[in-house]
Amino acid sequence: EDGLCNKYPDRFPKEHFTYENWIWAFTMLFSRAIRLRSLKEGETLAMVPYADLINHSPFSQAYIDAREAGDWLFSTGEEEVILYADRGYRRMEQIYISYG
């Protein structure tokens, strides 16, 4: 076989690339990933720490997306993930996003 596990066994040990691990990785990606639409390179899925803990409400207009980091004067050219709130929230009030 010409696969990565055979070509580079030190980097891709076969015991790590099992069907069970693939199922786990697939499940994590598609149950926790967030679609970021405003990236310079286009749309992508991303694993954003803690963002998957935000609860759903069909009435919420809040959303998560990407933007260029910095402010209007000191843009760094890097990108960041930001939660855009749909209204003002009180301290410790739960914020919701719509999942779809």
C-alpha atoms as a PDB file:
ATOM      1  CA  GLU A   1       0.000   0.000   0.000  1.00  0.00           C
ATOM      2  CA  ASP A   2       1.082   3.544  -0.695  1.00  0.00           C
ATOM      3  CA  GLY A   3      -0.862   5.127   2.171  1.00  0.00           C
ATOM      4  CA  LEU A   4       0.541   7.606   4.659  1.00  0.00           C
ATOM      5  CA  CYS A   5       0.685   4.966   7.405  1.00  0.00           C
ATOM      6  CA  ASN A   6       3.032   2.854   5.292  1.00  0.00           C
ATOM      7  CA  LYS A   7       5.091   5.726   3.912  1.00  0.00           C
ATOM      8  CA  TYR A   8       5.497   7.579   7.219  1.00  0.00           C
ATOM      9  CA  PRO A   9       4.846   5.137  10.075  1.00  0.00           C
ATOM     10  CA  ASP A  10       6.567   7.415  12.605  1.00  0.00           C
ATOM     11  CA  ARG A  11       4.137  10.250  11.805  1.00  0.00           C
ATOM     12  CA  PHE A  12       1.031   8.171  11.095  1.00  0.00           C
ATOM     13  CA  PRO A  13       1.072   5.077  13.330  1.00  0.00           C
ATOM     14  CA  LYS A  14      -1.547   2.580  12.133  1.00  0.00           C
ATOM     15  CA  GLU A  15      -2.826   1.958  15.652  1.00  0.00           C
ATOM     16  CA  HIS A  16      -4.076   5.588  15.803  1.00  0.00           C
ATOM     17  CA  PHE A  17      -5.908   5.473  12.479  1.00  0.00           C
ATOM     18  CA  THR A  18      -8.652   3.010  13.295  1.00  0.00           C
ATOM     19  CA  TYR A  19     -12.263   2.981  12.191  1.00  0.00           C
ATOM     20  CA  GLU A  20     -13.339   3.728  15.787  1.00  0.00           C
ATOM     21  CA  ASN A  21     -11.095   6.811  15.916  1.00  0.00           C
ATOM     22  CA  TRP A  22     -12.435   7.955  12.547  1.00  0.00           C
ATOM     23  CA  ILE A  23     -16.020   7.646  13.818  1.00  0.00           C
ATOM     24  CA  TRP A  24     -15.082   9.645  16.937  1.00  0.00           C
ATOM     25  CA  ALA A  25     -13.407  12.404  14.876  1.00  0.00           C
ATOM     26  CA  PHE A  26     -16.312  12.562  12.398  1.00  0.00           C
ATOM     27  CA  THR A  27     -18.833  12.767  15.241  1.00  0.00           C
ATOM     28  CA  MET A  28     -16.884  15.523  17.015  1.00  0.00           C
ATOM     29  CA  LEU A  29     -16.575  17.565  13.842  1.00  0.00           C
ATOM     30  CA  PHE A  30     -20.192  17.354  12.744  1.00  0.00           C
ATOM     31  CA  SER A  31     -21.720  17.738  16.207  1.00  0.00           C
ATOM     32  CA  ARG A  32     -19.507  20.629  17.341  1.00  0.00           C
ATOM     33  CA  ALA A  33     -18.241  22.449  14.261  1.00  0.00           C
ATOM     34  CA  ILE A  34     -19.418  25.947  13.427  1.00  0.00           C
ATOM     35  CA  ARG A  35     -19.729  27.358   9.930  1.00  0.00           C
ATOM     36  CA  LEU A  36     -17.735  30.562   9.548  1.00  0.00           C
ATOM     37  CA  ARG A  37     -18.851  32.474   6.473  1.00  0.00           C
ATOM     38  CA  SER A  38     -16.863  35.711   6.559  1.00  0.00           C
ATOM     39  CA  LEU A  39     -13.308  34.413   6.252  1.00  0.00           C
ATOM     40  CA  LYS A  40     -10.995  36.023   3.702  1.00  0.00           C
ATOM     41  CA  GLU A  41     -10.455  32.610   2.108  1.00  0.00           C
ATOM     42  CA  GLY A  42     -14.177  31.815   2.019  1.00  0.00           C
ATOM     43  CA  GLU A  43     -16.526  29.677   4.081  1.00  0.00           C
ATOM     44  CA  THR A  44     -15.246  26.872   6.328  1.00  0.00           C
ATOM     45  CA  LEU A  45     -16.123  24.649   9.268  1.00  0.00           C
ATOM     46  CA  ALA A  46     -14.197  25.303  12.467  1.00  0.00           C
ATOM     47  CA  MET A  47     -13.935  23.823  15.922  1.00  0.00           C
ATOM     48  CA  VAL A  48     -14.346  26.885  18.177  1.00  0.00           C
ATOM     49  CA  PRO A  49     -13.682  26.180  21.870  1.00  0.00           C
ATOM     50  CA  TYR A  50     -16.790  26.727  24.047  1.00  0.00           C
ATOM     51  CA  ALA A  51     -18.954  27.876  21.128  1.00  0.00           C
ATOM     52  CA  ASP A  52     -20.654  24.474  21.015  1.00  0.00           C
ATOM     53  CA  LEU A  53     -21.883  25.112  24.571  1.00  0.00           C
ATOM     54  CA  ILE A  54     -24.140  28.001  23.490  1.00  0.00           C
ATOM     55  CA  ASN A  55     -27.751  26.893  23.585  1.00  0.00           C
ATOM     56  CA  HIS A  56     -30.281  27.160  20.754  1.00  0.00           C
ATOM     57  CA  SER A  57     -33.300  29.382  20.441  1.00  0.00           C
ATOM     58  CA  PRO A  58     -35.280  29.665  17.193  1.00  0.00           C
ATOM     59  CA  PHE A  59     -36.021  33.287  18.138  1.00  0.00           C
ATOM     60  CA  SER A  60     -32.407  34.407  18.526  1.00  0.00           C
ATOM     61  CA  GLN A  61     -30.755  36.611  15.934  1.00  0.00           C
ATOM     62  CA  ALA A  62     -27.307  36.288  17.577  1.00  0.00           C
ATOM     63  CA  TYR A  63     -24.695  34.431  15.561  1.00  0.00           C
ATOM     64  CA  ILE A  64     -21.046  33.421  15.441  1.00  0.00           C
ATOM     65  CA  ASP A  65     -18.813  34.361  12.540  1.00  0.00           C
ATOM     66  CA  ALA A  66     -15.276  35.445  11.677  1.00  0.00           C
ATOM     67  CA  ARG A  67     -13.901  38.918  11.115  1.00  0.00           C
ATOM     68  CA  GLU A  68     -10.572  40.593  10.624  1.00  0.00           C
ATOM     69  CA  ALA A  69      -8.847  41.115  13.974  1.00  0.00           C
ATOM     70  CA  GLY A  70      -8.080  44.586  15.278  1.00  0.00           C
ATOM     71  CA  ASP A  71     -10.041  47.768  14.902  1.00  0.00           C
ATOM     72  CA  TRP A  72     -10.617  50.109  11.981  1.00  0.00           C
ATOM     73  CA  LEU A  73      -7.274  51.841  12.566  1.00  0.00           C
ATOM     74  CA  PHE A  74      -4.972  48.989  13.609  1.00  0.00           C
ATOM     75  CA  SER A  75      -5.985  45.974  11.549  1.00  0.00           C
ATOM     76  CA  THR A  76      -3.558  43.070  11.937  1.00  0.00           C
ATOM     77  CA  GLY A  77      -4.626  41.076   8.884  1.00  0.00           C
ATOM     78  CA  GLU A  78      -5.400  38.079  11.118  1.00  0.00           C
ATOM     79  CA  GLU A  79      -8.892  36.736  11.637  1.00  0.00           C
ATOM     80  CA  GLU A  80     -10.835  36.042  14.814  1.00  0.00           C
ATOM     81  CA  VAL A  81     -14.110  34.408  15.756  1.00  0.00           C
ATOM     82  CA  ILE A  82     -16.712  36.649  17.334  1.00  0.00           C
ATOM     83  CA  LEU A  83     -20.209  36.258  18.754  1.00  0.00           C
ATOM     84  CA  TYR A  84     -22.509  38.955  17.432  1.00  0.00           C
ATOM     85  CA  ALA A  85     -25.231  39.610  20.007  1.00  0.00           C
ATOM     86  CA  ASP A  86     -28.759  40.399  18.893  1.00  0.00           C
ATOM     87  CA  ARG A  87     -29.416  42.773  21.797  1.00  0.00           C
ATOM     88  CA  GLY A  88     -27.926  44.023  25.042  1.00  0.00           C
ATOM     89  CA  TYR A  89     -27.541  41.321  27.695  1.00  0.00           C
ATOM     90  CA  ARG A  90     -27.438  41.664  31.453  1.00  0.00           C
ATOM     91  CA  ARG A  91     -24.492  40.274  33.365  1.00  0.00           C
ATOM     92  CA  MET A  92     -24.817  36.478  33.776  1.00  0.00           C
ATOM     93  CA  GLU A  93     -27.791  36.339  31.378  1.00  0.00           C
ATOM     94  CA  GLN A  94     -27.669  33.394  29.004  1.00  0.00           C
ATOM     95  CA  ILE A  95     -27.181  34.165  25.335  1.00  0.00           C
ATOM     96  CA  TYR A  96     -28.674  31.947  22.654  1.00  0.00           C
ATOM     97  CA  ILE A  97     -27.928  31.416  18.983  1.00  0.00           C
ATOM     98  CA  SER A  98     -30.033  29.791  16.324  1.00  0.00           C
ATOM     99  CA  TYR A  99     -28.555  26.537  15.043  1.00  0.00           C
ATOM    100  CA  GLY A 100     -30.161  26.873  11.679  1.00  0.00           C
END
